[in-house]
Amino acid sequence: AKAELARLLTEAAAMPQEEQAGRVRDAMSYTITAET
């Protein structure tokens, strides 16, 4: 499970964030923080 989370974190950090076309009403925002 630890290795899977590390893999997912690496992939998410490496993938460029998609462009946001503008403000979306009622959209949730998320912050994931990992300390290694």
All heavy atoms as atom14 arrays in JSON, in Angstrom:
{
  "sequence": "AKAELARLLTEAAAMPQEEQAGRVRDAMSYTITAET",
  "atom14_mask": [
    [1, 1, 1, 1, 1, 0, 0, 0, 0, 0, 0, 0, 0, 0],
    [1, 1, 1, 1, 1, 1, 1, 1, 1, 0, 0, 0, 0, 0],
    [1, 1, 1, 1, 1, 0, 0, 0, 0, 0, 0, 0, 0, 0],
    [1, 1, 1, 1, 1, 1, 1, 1, 1, 0, 0, 0, 0, 0],
    [1, 1, 1, 1, 1, 1, 1, 1, 0, 0, 0, 0, 0, 0],
    [1, 1, 1, 1, 1, 0, 0, 0, 0, 0, 0, 0, 0, 0],
    [1, 1, 1, 1, 1, 1, 1, 1, 1, 1, 1, 0, 0, 0],
    [1, 1, 1, 1, 1, 1, 1, 1, 0, 0, 0, 0, 0, 0],
    [1, 1, 1, 1, 1, 1, 1, 1, 0, 0, 0, 0, 0, 0],
    [1, 1, 1, 1, 1, 1, 1, 0, 0, 0, 0, 0, 0, 0],
    [1, 1, 1, 1, 1, 1, 1, 1, 1, 0, 0, 0, 0, 0],
    [1, 1, 1, 1, 1, 0, 0, 0, 0, 0, 0, 0, 0, 0],
    [1, 1, 1, 1, 1, 0, 0, 0, 0, 0, 0, 0, 0, 0],
    [1, 1, 1, 1, 1, 0, 0, 0, 0, 0, 0, 0, 0, 0],
    [1, 1, 1, 1, 1, 1, 1, 1, 0, 0, 0, 0, 0, 0],
    [1, 1, 1, 1, 1, 1, 1, 0, 0, 0, 0, 0, 0, 0],
    [1, 1, 1, 1, 1, 1, 1, 1, 1, 0, 0, 0, 0, 0],
    [1, 1, 1, 1, 1, 1, 1, 1, 1, 0, 0, 0, 0, 0],
    [1, 1, 1, 1, 1, 1, 1, 1, 1, 0, 0, 0, 0, 0],
    [1, 1, 1, 1, 1, 1, 1, 1, 1, 0, 0, 0, 0, 0],
    [1, 1, 1, 1, 1, 0, 0, 0, 0, 0, 0, 0, 0, 0],
    [1, 1, 1, 1, 0, 0, 0, 0, 0, 0, 0, 0, 0, 0],
    [1, 1, 1, 1, 1, 1, 1, 1, 1, 1, 1, 0, 0, 0],
    [1, 1, 1, 1, 1, 1, 1, 0, 0, 0, 0, 0, 0, 0],
    [1, 1, 1, 1, 1, 1, 1, 1, 1, 1, 1, 0, 0, 0],
    [1, 1, 1, 1, 1, 1, 1, 1, 0, 0, 0, 0, 0, 0],
    [1, 1, 1, 1, 1, 0, 0, 0, 0, 0, 0, 0, 0, 0],
    [1, 1, 1, 1, 1, 1, 1, 1, 0, 0, 0, 0, 0, 0],
    [1, 1, 1, 1, 1, 1, 0, 0, 0, 0, 0, 0, 0, 0],
    [1, 1, 1, 1, 1, 1, 1, 1, 1, 1, 1, 1, 0, 0],
    [1, 1, 1, 1, 1, 1, 1, 0, 0, 0, 0, 0, 0, 0],
    [1, 1, 1, 1, 1, 1, 1, 1, 0, 0, 0, 0, 0, 0],
    [1, 1, 1, 1, 1, 1, 1, 0, 0, 0, 0, 0, 0, 0],
    [1, 1, 1, 1, 1, 0, 0, 0, 0, 0, 0, 0, 0, 0],
    [1, 1, 1, 1, 1, 1, 1, 1, 1, 0, 0, 0, 0, 0],
    [1, 1, 1, 1, 1, 1, 1, 0, 0, 0, 0, 0, 0, 0]
  ],
  "atom14_positions": [
    [[0.83, -1.2, 0.0], [0.0, 0.0, 0.0], [0.86, 1.25, 0.0], [0.57, 2.23, -0.69], [-0.93, 0.0, 1.21], [0.0, 0.0, 0.0], [0.0, 0.0, 0.0], [0.0, 0.0, 0.0], [0.0, 0.0, 0.0], [0.0, 0.0, 0.0], [0.0, 0.0, 0.0], [0.0, 0.0, 0.0], [0.0, 0.0, 0.0], [0.0, 0.0, 0.0]],
    [[1.94, 1.21, 0.77], [2.87, 2.35, 0.83], [3.5, 2.59, -0.55], [3.6, 3.72, -1.01], [3.95, 2.06, 1.87], [4.67, 3.28, 2.36], [5.78, 2.99, 3.35], [5.47, 1.95, 4.4], [6.51, 1.84, 5.42], [0.0, 0.0, 0.0], [0.0, 0.0, 0.0], [0.0, 0.0, 0.0], [0.0, 0.0, 0.0], [0.0, 0.0, 0.0]],
    [[3.92, 1.51, -1.2], [4.53, 1.62, -2.53], [3.54, 2.14, -3.56], [3.89, 2.95, -4.43], [5.09, 0.27, -2.96], [0.0, 0.0, 0.0], [0.0, 0.0, 0.0], [0.0, 0.0, 0.0], [0.0, 0.0, 0.0], [0.0, 0.0, 0.0], [0.0, 0.0, 0.0], [0.0, 0.0, 0.0], [0.0, 0.0, 0.0], [0.0, 0.0, 0.0]],
    [[2.29, 1.69, -3.47], [1.26, 2.15, -4.39], [1.01, 3.64, -4.23], [0.91, 4.38, -5.21], [-0.03, 1.35, -4.18], [-1.2, 1.81, -5.02], [-1.04, 1.51, -6.51], [-0.05, 0.88, -6.92], [-1.94, 1.93, -7.27], [0.0, 0.0, 0.0], [0.0, 0.0, 0.0], [0.0, 0.0, 0.0], [0.0, 0.0, 0.0], [0.0, 0.0, 0.0]],
    [[0.91, 4.12, -3.0], [0.72, 5.55, -2.77], [1.91, 6.36, -3.27], [1.74, 7.44, -3.85], [0.46, 5.84, -1.29], [-0.94, 5.55, -0.79], [-1.0, 5.69, 0.73], [-1.95, 6.48, -1.45], [0.0, 0.0, 0.0], [0.0, 0.0, 0.0], [0.0, 0.0, 0.0], [0.0, 0.0, 0.0], [0.0, 0.0, 0.0], [0.0, 0.0, 0.0]],
    [[3.12, 5.85, -3.06], [4.32, 6.54, -3.55], [4.31, 6.63, -5.07], [4.65, 7.66, -5.65], [5.57, 5.82, -3.05], [0.0, 0.0, 0.0], [0.0, 0.0, 0.0], [0.0, 0.0, 0.0], [0.0, 0.0, 0.0], [0.0, 0.0, 0.0], [0.0, 0.0, 0.0], [0.0, 0.0, 0.0], [0.0, 0.0, 0.0], [0.0, 0.0, 0.0]],
    [[3.89, 5.54, -5.73], [3.81, 5.54, -7.19], [2.78, 6.54, -7.68], [3.04, 7.34, -8.59], [3.45, 4.13, -7.7], [3.39, 4.03, -9.22], [2.85, 2.68, -9.67], [1.46, 2.45, -9.31], [0.41, 2.98, -9.93], [0.57, 3.8, -10.96], [-0.82, 2.69, -9.53], [0.0, 0.0, 0.0], [0.0, 0.0, 0.0], [0.0, 0.0, 0.0]],
    [[1.6, 6.55, -7.05], [0.54, 7.49, -7.44], [0.97, 8.94, -7.21], [0.67, 9.82, -8.03], [-0.74, 7.17, -6.68], [-1.44, 5.87, -7.05], [-2.56, 5.56, -6.06], [-1.96, 5.92, -8.47], [0.0, 0.0, 0.0], [0.0, 0.0, 0.0], [0.0, 0.0, 0.0], [0.0, 0.0, 0.0], [0.0, 0.0, 0.0], [0.0, 0.0, 0.0]],
    [[1.66, 9.19, -6.11], [2.15, 10.54, -5.82], [3.15, 11.0, -6.88], [3.07, 12.12, -7.38], [2.78, 10.59, -4.43], [3.36, 11.94, -4.02], [2.25, 12.97, -3.83], [4.16, 11.8, -2.73], [0.0, 0.0, 0.0], [0.0, 0.0, 0.0], [0.0, 0.0, 0.0], [0.0, 0.0, 0.0], [0.0, 0.0, 0.0], [0.0, 0.0, 0.0]],
    [[4.07, 10.12, -7.25], [5.06, 10.45, -8.27], [4.39, 10.76, -9.6], [4.75, 11.73, -10.28], [6.07, 9.29, -8.43], [6.72, 9.08, -7.18], [7.1, 9.58, -9.5], [0.0, 0.0, 0.0], [0.0, 0.0, 0.0], [0.0, 0.0, 0.0], [0.0, 0.0, 0.0], [0.0, 0.0, 0.0], [0.0, 0.0, 0.0], [0.0, 0.0, 0.0]],
    [[3.42, 9.94, -9.97], [2.7, 10.17, -11.23], [1.91, 11.47, -11.2], [1.91, 12.22, -12.18], [1.77, 9.0, -11.53], [2.51, 7.73, -11.91], [1.59, 6.54, -12.11], [0.35, 6.69, -12.03], [2.12, 5.44, -12.33], [0.0, 0.0, 0.0], [0.0, 0.0, 0.0], [0.0, 0.0, 0.0], [0.0, 0.0, 0.0], [0.0, 0.0, 0.0]],
    [[1.25, 11.75, -10.09], [0.46, 12.99, -9.98], [1.37, 14.22, -10.02], [1.02, 15.24, -10.62], [-0.37, 12.97, -8.71], [0.0, 0.0, 0.0], [0.0, 0.0, 0.0], [0.0, 0.0, 0.0], [0.0, 0.0, 0.0], [0.0, 0.0, 0.0], [0.0, 0.0, 0.0], [0.0, 0.0, 0.0], [0.0, 0.0, 0.0], [0.0, 0.0, 0.0]],
    [[2.53, 14.14, -9.38], [3.46, 15.27, -9.36], [4.07, 15.51, -10.74], [4.38, 16.64, -11.1], [4.55, 15.04, -8.33], [0.0, 0.0, 0.0], [0.0, 0.0, 0.0], [0.0, 0.0, 0.0], [0.0, 0.0, 0.0], [0.0, 0.0, 0.0], [0.0, 0.0, 0.0], [0.0, 0.0, 0.0], [0.0, 0.0, 0.0], [0.0, 0.0, 0.0]],
    [[4.23, 14.45, -11.53], [4.86, 14.56, -12.84], [3.91, 15.02, -13.93], [4.34, 15.54, -14.95], [5.47, 13.22, -13.23], [0.0, 0.0, 0.0], [0.0, 0.0, 0.0], [0.0, 0.0, 0.0], [0.0, 0.0, 0.0], [0.0, 0.0, 0.0], [0.0, 0.0, 0.0], [0.0, 0.0, 0.0], [0.0, 0.0, 0.0], [0.0, 0.0, 0.0]],
    [[2.61, 14.84, -13.72], [1.64, 15.18, -14.75], [1.26, 16.66, -14.66], [0.83, 17.11, -13.6], [0.38, 14.31, -14.61], [-0.61, 14.47, -15.75], [-1.97, 13.3, -15.66], [-1.17, 11.84, -16.29], [0.0, 0.0, 0.0], [0.0, 0.0, 0.0], [0.0, 0.0, 0.0], [0.0, 0.0, 0.0], [0.0, 0.0, 0.0], [0.0, 0.0, 0.0]],
    [[1.41, 17.39, -15.75], [1.05, 18.82, -15.71], [-0.43, 19.0, -15.42], [-1.27, 18.23, -15.89], [1.38, 19.32, -17.12], [2.06, 18.22, -17.82], [1.88, 16.96, -17.04], [0.0, 0.0, 0.0], [0.0, 0.0, 0.0], [0.0, 0.0, 0.0], [0.0, 0.0, 0.0], [0.0, 0.0, 0.0], [0.0, 0.0, 0.0], [0.0, 0.0, 0.0]],
    [[-0.72, 20.04, -14.64], [-2.11, 20.32, -14.29], [-2.86, 20.81, -15.51], [-2.33, 21.57, -16.32], [-2.17, 21.37, -13.18], [-3.56, 21.57, -12.63], [-3.56, 22.45, -11.39], [-2.51, 22.79, -10.86], [-4.72, 22.84, -10.96], [0.0, 0.0, 0.0], [0.0, 0.0, 0.0], [0.0, 0.0, 0.0], [0.0, 0.0, 0.0], [0.0, 0.0, 0.0]],
    [[-4.11, 20.37, -15.64], [-4.93, 20.77, -16.77], [-5.33, 22.24, -16.64], [-5.49, 22.75, -15.53], [-6.18, 19.89, -16.86], [-5.86, 18.44, -17.14], [-7.08, 17.55, -17.19], [-8.2, 18.06, -17.07], [-6.9, 16.34, -17.35], [0.0, 0.0, 0.0], [0.0, 0.0, 0.0], [0.0, 0.0, 0.0], [0.0, 0.0, 0.0], [0.0, 0.0, 0.0]],
    [[-5.48, 22.89, -17.78], [-5.91, 24.28, -17.79], [-7.36, 24.37, -17.33], [-8.19, 23.56, -17.72], [-5.8, 24.86, -19.21], [-4.38, 25.02, -19.68], [-3.65, 26.13, -18.96], [-4.26, 27.18, -18.68], [-2.45, 25.95, -18.68], [0.0, 0.0, 0.0], [0.0, 0.0, 0.0], [0.0, 0.0, 0.0], [0.0, 0.0, 0.0], [0.0, 0.0, 0.0]],
    [[-7.63, 25.38, -16.52], [-8.99, 25.6, -16.05], [-9.59, 26.69, -16.92], [-9.04, 27.78, -17.04], [-8.98, 26.02, -14.59], [-10.36, 26.1, -13.98], [-10.29, 26.28, -12.48], [-9.3, 25.97, -11.84], [-11.36, 26.79, -11.92], [0.0, 0.0, 0.0], [0.0, 0.0, 0.0], [0.0, 0.0, 0.0], [0.0, 0.0, 0.0], [0.0, 0.0, 0.0]],
    [[-10.72, 26.4, -17.56], [-11.35, 27.33, -18.48], [-11.92, 28.56, -17.78], [-12.26, 29.53, -18.41], [-12.45, 26.62, -19.26], [0.0, 0.0, 0.0], [0.0, 0.0, 0.0], [0.0, 0.0, 0.0], [0.0, 0.0, 0.0], [0.0, 0.0, 0.0], [0.0, 0.0, 0.0], [0.0, 0.0, 0.0], [0.0, 0.0, 0.0], [0.0, 0.0, 0.0]],
    [[-12.04, 28.55, -16.51], [-12.62, 29.63, -15.74], [-13.11, 29.08, -14.42], [-12.95, 27.91, -14.13], [0.0, 0.0, 0.0], [0.0, 0.0, 0.0], [0.0, 0.0, 0.0], [0.0, 0.0, 0.0], [0.0, 0.0, 0.0], [0.0, 0.0, 0.0], [0.0, 0.0, 0.0], [0.0, 0.0, 0.0], [0.0, 0.0, 0.0], [0.0, 0.0, 0.0]],
    [[-13.68, 29.93, -13.63], [-14.21, 29.48, -12.35], [-15.41, 28.58, -12.55], [-16.29, 28.88, -13.33], [-14.62, 30.67, -11.5], [-13.56, 31.11, -10.55], [-14.08, 32.23, -9.69], [-14.71, 31.77, -8.49], [-14.09, 31.63, -7.34], [-12.83, 31.89, -7.26], [-14.73, 31.22, -6.27], [0.0, 0.0, 0.0], [0.0, 0.0, 0.0], [0.0, 0.0, 0.0]],
    [[-15.41, 27.48, -11.84], [-16.56, 26.58, -11.89], [-17.27, 26.69, -10.55], [-16.68, 26.48, -9.49], [-16.1, 25.12, -12.14], [-17.29, 24.18, -12.08], [-15.4, 25.02, -13.48], [0.0, 0.0, 0.0], [0.0, 0.0, 0.0], [0.0, 0.0, 0.0], [0.0, 0.0, 0.0], [0.0, 0.0, 0.0], [0.0, 0.0, 0.0], [0.0, 0.0, 0.0]],
    [[-18.52, 27.02, -10.62], [-19.31, 27.21, -9.42], [-19.43, 25.89, -8.66], [-19.66, 24.84, -9.26], [-20.69, 27.71, -9.82], [-21.52, 28.13, -8.68], [-22.8, 28.72, -9.18], [-23.6, 29.08, -8.02], [-24.67, 29.81, -8.09], [-25.08, 30.25, -9.25], [-25.34, 30.09, -7.01], [0.0, 0.0, 0.0], [0.0, 0.0, 0.0], [0.0, 0.0, 0.0]],
    [[-19.23, 25.95, -7.37], [-19.39, 24.8, -6.47], [-18.37, 23.68, -6.69], [-18.62, 22.54, -6.3], [-20.81, 24.23, -6.54], [-21.86, 25.26, -6.15], [-21.55, 26.1, -5.27], [-22.95, 25.25, -6.72], [0.0, 0.0, 0.0], [0.0, 0.0, 0.0], [0.0, 0.0, 0.0], [0.0, 0.0, 0.0], [0.0, 0.0, 0.0], [0.0, 0.0, 0.0]],
    [[-17.24, 23.99, -7.31], [-16.2, 22.97, -7.48], [-15.41, 22.81, -6.17], [-15.14, 23.79, -5.48], [-15.25, 23.35, -8.6], [0.0, 0.0, 0.0], [0.0, 0.0, 0.0], [0.0, 0.0, 0.0], [0.0, 0.0, 0.0], [0.0, 0.0, 0.0], [0.0, 0.0, 0.0], [0.0, 0.0, 0.0], [0.0, 0.0, 0.0], [0.0, 0.0, 0.0]],
    [[-15.08, 21.58, -5.84], [-14.23, 21.31, -4.68], [-12.78, 21.47, -5.11], [-12.41, 21.16, -6.24], [-14.44, 19.89, -4.18], [-15.79, 19.63, -3.55], [-15.97, 20.44, -1.95], [-14.77, 19.55, -0.97], [0.0, 0.0, 0.0], [0.0, 0.0, 0.0], [0.0, 0.0, 0.0], [0.0, 0.0, 0.0], [0.0, 0.0, 0.0], [0.0, 0.0, 0.0]],
    [[-11.96, 21.92, -4.17], [-10.52, 22.01, -4.38], [-9.84, 21.11, -3.35], [-10.36, 20.92, -2.25], [-10.03, 23.44, -4.21], [-10.58, 24.26, -5.21], [0.0, 0.0, 0.0], [0.0, 0.0, 0.0], [0.0, 0.0, 0.0], [0.0, 0.0, 0.0], [0.0, 0.0, 0.0], [0.0, 0.0, 0.0], [0.0, 0.0, 0.0], [0.0, 0.0, 0.0]],
    [[-8.69, 20.57, -3.72], [-8.0, 19.6, -2.88], [-6.51, 19.94, -2.79], [-5.9, 20.32, -3.79], [-8.13, 18.18, -3.45], [-9.55, 17.8, -3.74], [-10.11, 18.0, -4.99], [-10.35, 17.25, -2.74], [-11.43, 17.66, -5.26], [-11.67, 16.91, -2.99], [-12.2, 17.12, -4.25], [-13.51, 16.79, -4.5], [0.0, 0.0, 0.0], [0.0, 0.0, 0.0]],
    [[-5.96, 19.77, -1.61], [-4.52, 19.9, -1.41], [-4.04, 18.61, -0.76], [-4.52, 18.22, 0.3], [-4.17, 21.09, -0.5], [-4.68, 22.29, -1.09], [-2.67, 21.22, -0.31], [0.0, 0.0, 0.0], [0.0, 0.0, 0.0], [0.0, 0.0, 0.0], [0.0, 0.0, 0.0], [0.0, 0.0, 0.0], [0.0, 0.0, 0.0], [0.0, 0.0, 0.0]],
    [[-3.1, 17.94, -1.43], [-2.48, 16.73, -0.9], [-1.03, 17.08, -0.59], [-0.31, 17.59, -1.44], [-2.55, 15.57, -1.92], [-4.02, 15.19, -2.19], [-1.76, 14.36, -1.4], [-4.2, 14.19, -3.3], [0.0, 0.0, 0.0], [0.0, 0.0, 0.0], [0.0, 0.0, 0.0], [0.0, 0.0, 0.0], [0.0, 0.0, 0.0], [0.0, 0.0, 0.0]],
    [[-0.64, 16.82, 0.65], [0.73, 17.1, 1.09], [1.37, 15.8, 1.54], [0.78, 15.06, 2.32], [0.73, 18.12, 2.26], [0.02, 19.29, 1.84], [2.15, 18.49, 2.64], [0.0, 0.0, 0.0], [0.0, 0.0, 0.0], [0.0, 0.0, 0.0], [0.0, 0.0, 0.0], [0.0, 0.0, 0.0], [0.0, 0.0, 0.0], [0.0, 0.0, 0.0]],
    [[2.57, 15.55, 1.02], [3.32, 14.35, 1.4], [4.71, 14.75, 1.86], [5.4, 15.5, 1.16], [3.41, 13.4, 0.22], [0.0, 0.0, 0.0], [0.0, 0.0, 0.0], [0.0, 0.0, 0.0], [0.0, 0.0, 0.0], [0.0, 0.0, 0.0], [0.0, 0.0, 0.0], [0.0, 0.0, 0.0], [0.0, 0.0, 0.0], [0.0, 0.0, 0.0]],
    [[5.09, 14.27, 3.02], [6.43, 14.52, 3.56], [7.23, 13.24, 3.48], [6.81, 12.2, 3.98], [6.34, 15.0, 5.0], [5.62, 16.32, 5.15], [5.53, 16.77, 6.6], [6.43, 16.42, 7.39], [4.56, 17.46, 6.91], [0.0, 0.0, 0.0], [0.0, 0.0, 0.0], [0.0, 0.0, 0.0], [0.0, 0.0, 0.0], [0.0, 0.0, 0.0]],
    [[8.39, 13.33, 2.82], [9.28, 12.18, 2.69], [10.68, 12.63, 3.07], [11.3, 13.39, 2.33], [9.3, 11.67, 1.23], [8.03, 11.83, 0.64], [9.69, 10.22, 1.17], [0.0, 0.0, 0.0], [0.0, 0.0, 0.0], [0.0, 0.0, 0.0], [0.0, 0.0, 0.0], [0.0, 0.0, 0.0], [0.0, 0.0, 0.0], [0.0, 0.0, 0.0]]
  ]
}
